[in-house]
Amino acid sequence: MATVPHILFVCTANICRSPMAEGLGRAYAARRGWLVEFGSAGVMGLEGHPAEPRAVRVMAEIGIDISDHRSRGVTAELVDWADHILVMELHHQIRLHRAFPASEGKVLMLGTFGGVHEIPDPMGGWRWRFRRSRDLIRRCVEGFLDQLPPPPTVMPR
């Protein structure tokens, strides 16, 4: 039996991009019937903060609820748990490699799976910037998941 992949999305504070990526990953895997576990965290170490309200709103526009999200920092346990760690910016990758040598070989730039290098932070911008970020993240998350070996599937009832 195939093992369930563990995917961790990482951004700066874990209140905008990585929670959106986690929600988008869950929704895409559910539509495909795939068993995949997702998580998200931030390199800043912010703990217990809700997702940014504009991120919550633009995700709700496409039927994904991230309103119960609470931020957390990247830990050694999360790095060990993850099979793949997808970061939004190069400095996230650098910080992870410095702080967690075990992340070597697991960290990938999420943007490369959607034709860009980095995914800009929408924080501080208007709602349209959050929509643009959401749509780019969706393209990248789906591109990444589609290139994985087929994960286990949910048995139909």
N, C-alpha and C. Protein backbone atom coordinates (compact mmCIF):
# COMPACT_ATOMS: atom_id res chain seq x y z
N MET A 1 0.84 -1.18 0.00
CA MET A 1 0.00 0.00 0.00
C MET A 1 0.89 1.24 0.00
N ALA A 2 0.51 2.23 -0.82
CA ALA A 2 1.29 3.46 -0.90
C ALA A 2 1.12 4.26 0.38
N THR A 3 2.18 4.98 0.74
CA THR A 3 2.10 5.81 1.94
C THR A 3 1.47 7.16 1.61
N VAL A 4 0.86 7.76 2.59
CA VAL A 4 0.21 9.05 2.43
C VAL A 4 1.28 10.14 2.46
N PRO A 5 1.38 10.96 1.41
CA PRO A 5 2.37 12.04 1.41
C PRO A 5 2.02 13.12 2.43
N HIS A 6 3.04 13.69 3.04
CA HIS A 6 2.90 14.80 3.99
C HIS A 6 3.53 16.03 3.35
N ILE A 7 2.72 17.07 3.15
CA ILE A 7 3.17 18.27 2.46
C ILE A 7 3.02 19.47 3.37
N LEU A 8 4.12 20.20 3.55
CA LEU A 8 4.14 21.38 4.40
C LEU A 8 4.38 22.61 3.54
N PHE A 9 3.50 23.60 3.65
CA PHE A 9 3.66 24.88 2.96
C PHE A 9 4.22 25.89 3.96
N VAL A 10 5.21 26.67 3.52
CA VAL A 10 5.88 27.62 4.41
C VAL A 10 5.94 29.00 3.76
N CYS A 11 5.56 30.00 4.57
CA CYS A 11 5.74 31.40 4.16
C CYS A 11 6.35 32.14 5.35
N THR A 12 6.19 33.43 5.41
CA THR A 12 6.83 34.21 6.46
C THR A 12 6.12 34.07 7.80
N ALA A 13 4.85 34.49 7.88
CA ALA A 13 4.14 34.52 9.16
C ALA A 13 3.09 33.44 9.31
N ASN A 14 2.78 32.72 8.25
CA ASN A 14 1.75 31.67 8.26
C ASN A 14 0.36 32.25 8.53
N ILE A 15 0.10 33.42 7.88
CA ILE A 15 -1.24 34.00 7.99
C ILE A 15 -1.85 34.35 6.63
N CYS A 16 -1.08 34.27 5.54
CA CYS A 16 -1.62 34.58 4.20
C CYS A 16 -1.38 33.44 3.22
N ARG A 17 -0.17 33.40 2.67
CA ARG A 17 0.11 32.48 1.57
C ARG A 17 0.07 31.02 1.95
N SER A 18 0.75 30.62 3.03
CA SER A 18 0.78 29.19 3.35
C SER A 18 -0.57 28.66 3.82
N PRO A 19 -1.40 29.42 4.57
CA PRO A 19 -2.74 28.90 4.86
C PRO A 19 -3.59 28.77 3.59
N MET A 20 -3.44 29.71 2.64
CA MET A 20 -4.17 29.59 1.38
C MET A 20 -3.71 28.34 0.64
N ALA A 21 -2.40 28.10 0.60
CA ALA A 21 -1.87 26.92 -0.08
C ALA A 21 -2.37 25.64 0.57
N GLU A 22 -2.39 25.61 1.90
CA GLU A 22 -2.88 24.43 2.61
C GLU A 22 -4.35 24.17 2.27
N GLY A 23 -5.17 25.22 2.29
CA GLY A 23 -6.59 25.07 1.94
C GLY A 23 -6.78 24.63 0.51
N LEU A 24 -6.01 25.21 -0.40
CA LEU A 24 -6.10 24.83 -1.81
C LEU A 24 -5.65 23.39 -2.03
N GLY A 25 -4.58 22.98 -1.35
CA GLY A 25 -4.11 21.60 -1.45
C GLY A 25 -5.15 20.60 -0.96
N ARG A 26 -5.74 20.89 0.19
CA ARG A 26 -6.78 20.01 0.74
C ARG A 26 -7.95 19.87 -0.23
N ALA A 27 -8.40 21.02 -0.77
CA ALA A 27 -9.54 21.00 -1.68
C ALA A 27 -9.24 20.22 -2.96
N TYR A 28 -8.05 20.43 -3.51
CA TYR A 28 -7.68 19.75 -4.76
C TYR A 28 -7.55 18.24 -4.52
N ALA A 29 -6.90 17.85 -3.44
CA ALA A 29 -6.76 16.43 -3.14
C ALA A 29 -8.13 15.79 -2.91
N ALA A 30 -9.02 16.50 -2.22
CA ALA A 30 -10.37 15.97 -1.98
C ALA A 30 -11.12 15.77 -3.29
N ARG A 31 -11.02 16.74 -4.21
CA ARG A 31 -11.69 16.60 -5.52
C ARG A 31 -11.15 15.40 -6.29
N ARG A 32 -9.86 15.12 -6.14
CA ARG A 32 -9.24 14.01 -6.87
C ARG A 32 -9.40 12.68 -6.13
N GLY A 33 -9.88 12.73 -4.89
CA GLY A 33 -10.02 11.51 -4.10
C GLY A 33 -8.69 11.01 -3.55
N TRP A 34 -7.71 11.89 -3.44
CA TRP A 34 -6.37 11.51 -2.98
C TRP A 34 -6.26 11.64 -1.46
N LEU A 35 -5.54 10.73 -0.86
CA LEU A 35 -5.19 10.82 0.55
C LEU A 35 -3.84 11.51 0.66
N VAL A 36 -3.85 12.74 1.09
CA VAL A 36 -2.64 13.54 1.27
C VAL A 36 -2.84 14.33 2.56
N GLU A 37 -1.80 14.44 3.38
CA GLU A 37 -1.87 15.26 4.58
C GLU A 37 -1.12 16.56 4.33
N PHE A 38 -1.75 17.67 4.72
CA PHE A 38 -1.19 19.00 4.50
C PHE A 38 -1.01 19.73 5.82
N GLY A 39 -0.03 20.60 5.85
CA GLY A 39 0.19 21.48 6.98
C GLY A 39 0.79 22.77 6.46
N SER A 40 0.87 23.77 7.33
CA SER A 40 1.52 25.02 6.96
C SER A 40 2.16 25.62 8.20
N ALA A 41 3.16 26.46 7.96
CA ALA A 41 3.90 27.09 9.06
C ALA A 41 4.63 28.31 8.49
N GLY A 42 5.21 29.09 9.40
CA GLY A 42 5.95 30.27 8.99
C GLY A 42 7.34 30.31 9.59
N VAL A 43 8.27 30.91 8.86
CA VAL A 43 9.65 31.01 9.35
C VAL A 43 9.79 32.07 10.44
N MET A 44 8.80 32.95 10.58
CA MET A 44 8.85 34.02 11.58
C MET A 44 8.54 33.50 12.98
N GLY A 45 7.89 32.37 13.08
CA GLY A 45 7.58 31.79 14.38
C GLY A 45 6.34 32.38 15.05
N LEU A 46 5.49 33.05 14.30
CA LEU A 46 4.26 33.62 14.84
C LEU A 46 3.33 32.49 15.26
N GLU A 47 2.82 32.54 16.48
CA GLU A 47 2.00 31.45 17.02
C GLU A 47 0.59 31.92 17.36
N GLY A 48 -0.40 31.16 16.90
CA GLY A 48 -1.78 31.33 17.33
C GLY A 48 -2.58 32.44 16.69
N HIS A 49 -2.06 33.09 15.66
CA HIS A 49 -2.79 34.17 15.01
C HIS A 49 -3.69 33.61 13.91
N PRO A 50 -4.89 34.20 13.74
CA PRO A 50 -5.78 33.74 12.66
C PRO A 50 -5.23 34.15 11.30
N ALA A 51 -5.75 33.51 10.27
CA ALA A 51 -5.39 33.91 8.91
C ALA A 51 -5.84 35.36 8.69
N GLU A 52 -5.11 36.06 7.86
CA GLU A 52 -5.42 37.45 7.53
C GLU A 52 -6.85 37.50 6.97
N PRO A 53 -7.68 38.44 7.42
CA PRO A 53 -9.08 38.47 6.97
C PRO A 53 -9.27 38.51 5.46
N ARG A 54 -8.38 39.21 4.74
CA ARG A 54 -8.52 39.24 3.27
C ARG A 54 -8.22 37.87 2.67
N ALA A 55 -7.30 37.13 3.26
CA ALA A 55 -7.03 35.76 2.79
C ALA A 55 -8.25 34.88 3.03
N VAL A 56 -8.85 35.02 4.20
CA VAL A 56 -10.06 34.24 4.51
C VAL A 56 -11.16 34.56 3.50
N ARG A 57 -11.35 35.86 3.20
CA ARG A 57 -12.42 36.26 2.28
C ARG A 57 -12.20 35.75 0.86
N VAL A 58 -10.96 35.88 0.34
CA VAL A 58 -10.75 35.45 -1.05
C VAL A 58 -10.81 33.93 -1.18
N MET A 59 -10.50 33.22 -0.12
CA MET A 59 -10.65 31.76 -0.15
C MET A 59 -12.13 31.39 -0.08
N ALA A 60 -12.91 32.11 0.72
CA ALA A 60 -14.35 31.85 0.81
C ALA A 60 -15.03 32.09 -0.54
N GLU A 61 -14.49 33.03 -1.33
CA GLU A 61 -15.05 33.29 -2.65
C GLU A 61 -15.04 32.05 -3.55
N ILE A 62 -14.11 31.14 -3.29
CA ILE A 62 -14.03 29.92 -4.10
C ILE A 62 -14.44 28.69 -3.29
N GLY A 63 -15.13 28.92 -2.18
CA GLY A 63 -15.71 27.82 -1.42
C GLY A 63 -14.77 27.10 -0.47
N ILE A 64 -13.65 27.73 -0.10
CA ILE A 64 -12.70 27.10 0.82
C ILE A 64 -12.64 27.93 2.10
N ASP A 65 -12.88 27.27 3.22
CA ASP A 65 -12.93 27.94 4.52
C ASP A 65 -11.61 27.75 5.26
N ILE A 66 -10.88 28.84 5.47
CA ILE A 66 -9.65 28.78 6.27
C ILE A 66 -9.80 29.62 7.54
N SER A 67 -11.03 29.89 7.93
CA SER A 67 -11.27 30.78 9.06
C SER A 67 -10.81 30.20 10.40
N ASP A 68 -10.67 28.88 10.49
CA ASP A 68 -10.21 28.30 11.76
C ASP A 68 -8.69 28.15 11.83
N HIS A 69 -7.98 28.62 10.81
CA HIS A 69 -6.52 28.52 10.78
C HIS A 69 -5.90 29.34 11.91
N ARG A 70 -4.84 28.80 12.52
CA ARG A 70 -4.03 29.52 13.49
C ARG A 70 -2.56 29.33 13.12
N SER A 71 -1.83 30.41 13.14
CA SER A 71 -0.43 30.37 12.70
C SER A 71 0.44 29.55 13.65
N ARG A 72 1.52 29.05 13.07
CA ARG A 72 2.54 28.36 13.87
C ARG A 72 3.87 28.50 13.15
N GLY A 73 4.93 28.37 13.93
CA GLY A 73 6.26 28.44 13.36
C GLY A 73 6.74 27.07 12.92
N VAL A 74 7.72 27.08 12.05
CA VAL A 74 8.33 25.82 11.61
C VAL A 74 9.11 25.23 12.79
N THR A 75 8.96 23.94 12.99
CA THR A 75 9.67 23.22 14.06
C THR A 75 10.40 22.03 13.47
N ALA A 76 11.32 21.48 14.23
CA ALA A 76 12.02 20.26 13.80
C ALA A 76 11.03 19.13 13.60
N GLU A 77 10.00 19.06 14.43
CA GLU A 77 8.99 18.01 14.29
C GLU A 77 8.24 18.12 12.97
N LEU A 78 7.89 19.35 12.57
CA LEU A 78 7.22 19.54 11.29
C LEU A 78 8.14 19.18 10.13
N VAL A 79 9.40 19.56 10.22
CA VAL A 79 10.36 19.22 9.16
C VAL A 79 10.48 17.70 9.04
N ASP A 80 10.55 17.00 10.17
CA ASP A 80 10.63 15.54 10.15
C ASP A 80 9.36 14.93 9.57
N TRP A 81 8.20 15.50 9.92
CA TRP A 81 6.91 15.00 9.45
C TRP A 81 6.77 15.11 7.93
N ALA A 82 7.26 16.20 7.37
CA ALA A 82 7.02 16.52 5.95
C ALA A 82 7.88 15.68 5.01
N ASP A 83 7.22 15.23 3.95
CA ASP A 83 7.95 14.61 2.83
C ASP A 83 8.43 15.69 1.87
N HIS A 84 7.62 16.75 1.73
CA HIS A 84 7.92 17.87 0.84
C HIS A 84 7.59 19.15 1.58
N ILE A 85 8.51 20.12 1.50
CA ILE A 85 8.29 21.43 2.11
C ILE A 85 8.33 22.45 0.97
N LEU A 86 7.21 23.11 0.74
CA LEU A 86 7.08 24.04 -0.37
C LEU A 86 7.06 25.46 0.16
N VAL A 87 8.06 26.25 -0.24
CA VAL A 87 8.23 27.62 0.25
C VAL A 87 7.84 28.63 -0.82
N MET A 88 7.53 29.84 -0.36
CA MET A 88 7.06 30.89 -1.26
C MET A 88 8.20 31.75 -1.81
N GLU A 89 9.28 31.90 -1.03
CA GLU A 89 10.38 32.78 -1.43
C GLU A 89 11.72 32.11 -1.13
N LEU A 90 12.74 32.55 -1.85
CA LEU A 90 14.08 31.99 -1.68
C LEU A 90 14.58 32.15 -0.25
N HIS A 91 14.29 33.29 0.39
CA HIS A 91 14.79 33.48 1.76
C HIS A 91 14.15 32.49 2.73
N HIS A 92 12.96 31.99 2.43
CA HIS A 92 12.35 30.94 3.27
C HIS A 92 13.18 29.66 3.17
N GLN A 93 13.58 29.33 1.96
CA GLN A 93 14.40 28.14 1.75
C GLN A 93 15.73 28.26 2.48
N ILE A 94 16.36 29.41 2.38
CA ILE A 94 17.65 29.63 3.03
C ILE A 94 17.51 29.51 4.55
N ARG A 95 16.48 30.14 5.10
CA ARG A 95 16.27 30.08 6.56
C ARG A 95 16.01 28.65 7.03
N LEU A 96 15.24 27.89 6.26
CA LEU A 96 14.98 26.50 6.64
C LEU A 96 16.25 25.67 6.61
N HIS A 97 17.05 25.82 5.57
CA HIS A 97 18.29 25.05 5.48
C HIS A 97 19.24 25.38 6.62
N ARG A 98 19.30 26.65 7.01
CA ARG A 98 20.18 27.04 8.11
C ARG A 98 19.67 26.52 9.46
N ALA A 99 18.37 26.66 9.70
CA ALA A 99 17.81 26.29 11.00
C ALA A 99 17.57 24.79 11.15
N PHE A 100 17.30 24.13 10.03
CA PHE A 100 16.92 22.71 10.06
C PHE A 100 17.69 21.96 8.97
N PRO A 101 18.92 21.52 9.26
CA PRO A 101 19.68 20.79 8.24
C PRO A 101 18.94 19.57 7.69
N ALA A 102 18.02 19.00 8.48
CA ALA A 102 17.24 17.84 8.01
C ALA A 102 16.29 18.21 6.89
N SER A 103 16.08 19.51 6.64
CA SER A 103 15.18 19.91 5.56
C SER A 103 15.85 19.78 4.19
N GLU A 104 17.15 19.58 4.17
CA GLU A 104 17.89 19.44 2.91
C GLU A 104 17.27 18.34 2.07
N GLY A 105 16.97 18.65 0.82
CA GLY A 105 16.38 17.68 -0.09
C GLY A 105 14.87 17.64 -0.06
N LYS A 106 14.26 18.29 0.94
CA LYS A 106 12.79 18.32 1.04
C LYS A 106 12.21 19.64 0.58
N VAL A 107 13.02 20.70 0.58
CA VAL A 107 12.51 22.04 0.34
C VAL A 107 12.52 22.36 -1.15
N LEU A 108 11.35 22.82 -1.62
CA LEU A 108 11.19 23.19 -3.02
C LEU A 108 10.52 24.55 -3.09
N MET A 109 10.78 25.29 -4.14
CA MET A 109 10.12 26.57 -4.38
C MET A 109 8.77 26.28 -5.02
N LEU A 110 7.69 26.61 -4.34
CA LEU A 110 6.35 26.33 -4.86
C LEU A 110 6.12 26.99 -6.21
N GLY A 111 6.59 28.20 -6.38
CA GLY A 111 6.35 28.93 -7.63
C GLY A 111 6.82 28.23 -8.88
N THR A 112 7.87 27.43 -8.76
CA THR A 112 8.40 26.76 -9.95
C THR A 112 7.41 25.77 -10.56
N PHE A 113 6.40 25.37 -9.79
CA PHE A 113 5.39 24.45 -10.31
C PHE A 113 4.25 25.18 -11.01
N GLY A 114 4.37 26.51 -11.08
CA GLY A 114 3.38 27.32 -11.78
C GLY A 114 4.00 28.34 -12.70
N GLY A 115 5.29 28.17 -13.02
CA GLY A 115 5.94 29.03 -13.99
C GLY A 115 6.54 30.31 -13.46
N VAL A 116 6.66 30.43 -12.12
CA VAL A 116 7.30 31.61 -11.54
C VAL A 116 8.37 31.15 -10.57
N HIS A 117 9.17 32.08 -10.10
CA HIS A 117 10.20 31.70 -9.12
C HIS A 117 9.66 31.85 -7.71
N GLU A 118 9.22 33.06 -7.37
CA GLU A 118 8.71 33.33 -6.02
C GLU A 118 7.25 33.76 -6.09
N ILE A 119 6.55 33.56 -4.98
CA ILE A 119 5.16 33.98 -4.87
C ILE A 119 5.14 35.20 -3.95
N PRO A 120 4.85 36.38 -4.51
CA PRO A 120 4.90 37.61 -3.71
C PRO A 120 3.89 37.60 -2.56
N ASP A 121 4.28 38.27 -1.49
CA ASP A 121 3.42 38.37 -0.31
C ASP A 121 2.35 39.44 -0.55
N PRO A 122 1.07 39.09 -0.43
CA PRO A 122 0.02 40.08 -0.64
C PRO A 122 -0.24 40.96 0.58
N MET A 123 0.40 40.66 1.71
CA MET A 123 0.12 41.36 2.97
C MET A 123 0.26 42.86 2.78
N GLY A 124 -0.74 43.59 3.28
CA GLY A 124 -0.74 45.04 3.16
C GLY A 124 -1.37 45.55 1.89
N GLY A 125 -1.75 44.63 1.00
CA GLY A 125 -2.34 45.03 -0.28
C GLY A 125 -3.85 44.93 -0.28
N TRP A 126 -4.42 45.40 -1.35
CA TRP A 126 -5.86 45.34 -1.54
C TRP A 126 -6.30 43.89 -1.78
N ARG A 127 -7.60 43.68 -1.73
CA ARG A 127 -8.14 42.32 -1.90
C ARG A 127 -7.74 41.73 -3.27
N TRP A 128 -7.61 42.55 -4.30
CA TRP A 128 -7.23 42.01 -5.61
C TRP A 128 -5.84 41.37 -5.56
N ARG A 129 -4.95 41.90 -4.70
CA ARG A 129 -3.62 41.27 -4.56
C ARG A 129 -3.75 39.90 -3.92
N PHE A 130 -4.67 39.75 -2.98
CA PHE A 130 -4.91 38.45 -2.36
C PHE A 130 -5.52 37.48 -3.38
N ARG A 131 -6.42 37.97 -4.22
CA ARG A 131 -6.99 37.11 -5.27
C ARG A 131 -5.90 36.65 -6.24
N ARG A 132 -5.06 37.59 -6.63
CA ARG A 132 -3.97 37.24 -7.56
C ARG A 132 -3.04 36.22 -6.92
N SER A 133 -2.71 36.41 -5.65
CA SER A 133 -1.87 35.46 -4.92
C SER A 133 -2.55 34.09 -4.83
N ARG A 134 -3.84 34.08 -4.45
CA ARG A 134 -4.60 32.83 -4.36
C ARG A 134 -4.58 32.08 -5.68
N ASP A 135 -4.82 32.78 -6.79
CA ASP A 135 -4.88 32.12 -8.09
C ASP A 135 -3.52 31.57 -8.51
N LEU A 136 -2.46 32.31 -8.22
CA LEU A 136 -1.11 31.83 -8.52
C LEU A 136 -0.78 30.62 -7.65
N ILE A 137 -1.09 30.70 -6.37
CA ILE A 137 -0.82 29.58 -5.46
C ILE A 137 -1.60 28.35 -5.92
N ARG A 138 -2.85 28.53 -6.32
CA ARG A 138 -3.65 27.38 -6.79
C ARG A 138 -2.98 26.70 -7.99
N ARG A 139 -2.54 27.50 -8.95
CA ARG A 139 -1.86 26.94 -10.13
C ARG A 139 -0.62 26.15 -9.72
N CYS A 140 0.14 26.70 -8.79
CA CYS A 140 1.38 26.05 -8.34
C CYS A 140 1.11 24.79 -7.53
N VAL A 141 0.15 24.85 -6.62
CA VAL A 141 -0.19 23.69 -5.78
C VAL A 141 -0.67 22.55 -6.67
N GLU A 142 -1.58 22.84 -7.60
CA GLU A 142 -2.09 21.80 -8.49
C GLU A 142 -0.97 21.25 -9.37
N GLY A 143 -0.09 22.14 -9.85
CA GLY A 143 1.05 21.68 -10.66
C GLY A 143 1.96 20.76 -9.88
N PHE A 144 2.20 21.08 -8.61
CA PHE A 144 3.04 20.22 -7.78
C PHE A 144 2.35 18.88 -7.53
N LEU A 145 1.11 18.92 -7.09
CA LEU A 145 0.42 17.66 -6.77
C LEU A 145 0.27 16.76 -7.99
N ASP A 146 0.07 17.36 -9.16
CA ASP A 146 -0.09 16.55 -10.37
C ASP A 146 1.19 15.83 -10.78
N GLN A 147 2.35 16.30 -10.32
CA GLN A 147 3.60 15.64 -10.70
C GLN A 147 4.05 14.59 -9.69
N LEU A 148 3.36 14.50 -8.56
CA LEU A 148 3.69 13.46 -7.57
C LEU A 148 3.31 12.08 -8.08
N PRO A 149 4.00 11.05 -7.60
CA PRO A 149 3.48 9.70 -7.89
C PRO A 149 2.06 9.61 -7.33
N PRO A 150 1.19 8.88 -7.98
CA PRO A 150 -0.20 8.84 -7.53
C PRO A 150 -0.31 8.47 -6.04
N PRO A 151 -0.90 9.37 -5.24
CA PRO A 151 -1.08 9.05 -3.83
C PRO A 151 -2.21 8.04 -3.66
N PRO A 152 -2.30 7.44 -2.47
CA PRO A 152 -3.43 6.54 -2.23
C PRO A 152 -4.75 7.31 -2.40
N THR A 153 -5.79 6.58 -2.72
CA THR A 153 -7.10 7.22 -2.93
C THR A 153 -8.08 6.78 -1.87
N VAL A 154 -9.09 7.60 -1.72
CA VAL A 154 -10.18 7.31 -0.81
C VAL A 154 -11.05 6.24 -1.48
N MET A 155 -11.40 5.23 -0.74
CA MET A 155 -12.24 4.17 -1.28
C MET A 155 -13.67 4.71 -1.42
N PRO A 156 -14.29 4.56 -2.62
CA PRO A 156 -15.67 5.03 -2.77
C PRO A 156 -16.61 4.18 -1.91
N ARG A 157 -17.67 4.81 -1.44
CA ARG A 157 -18.65 4.08 -0.60
C ARG A 157 -19.80 3.59 -1.40
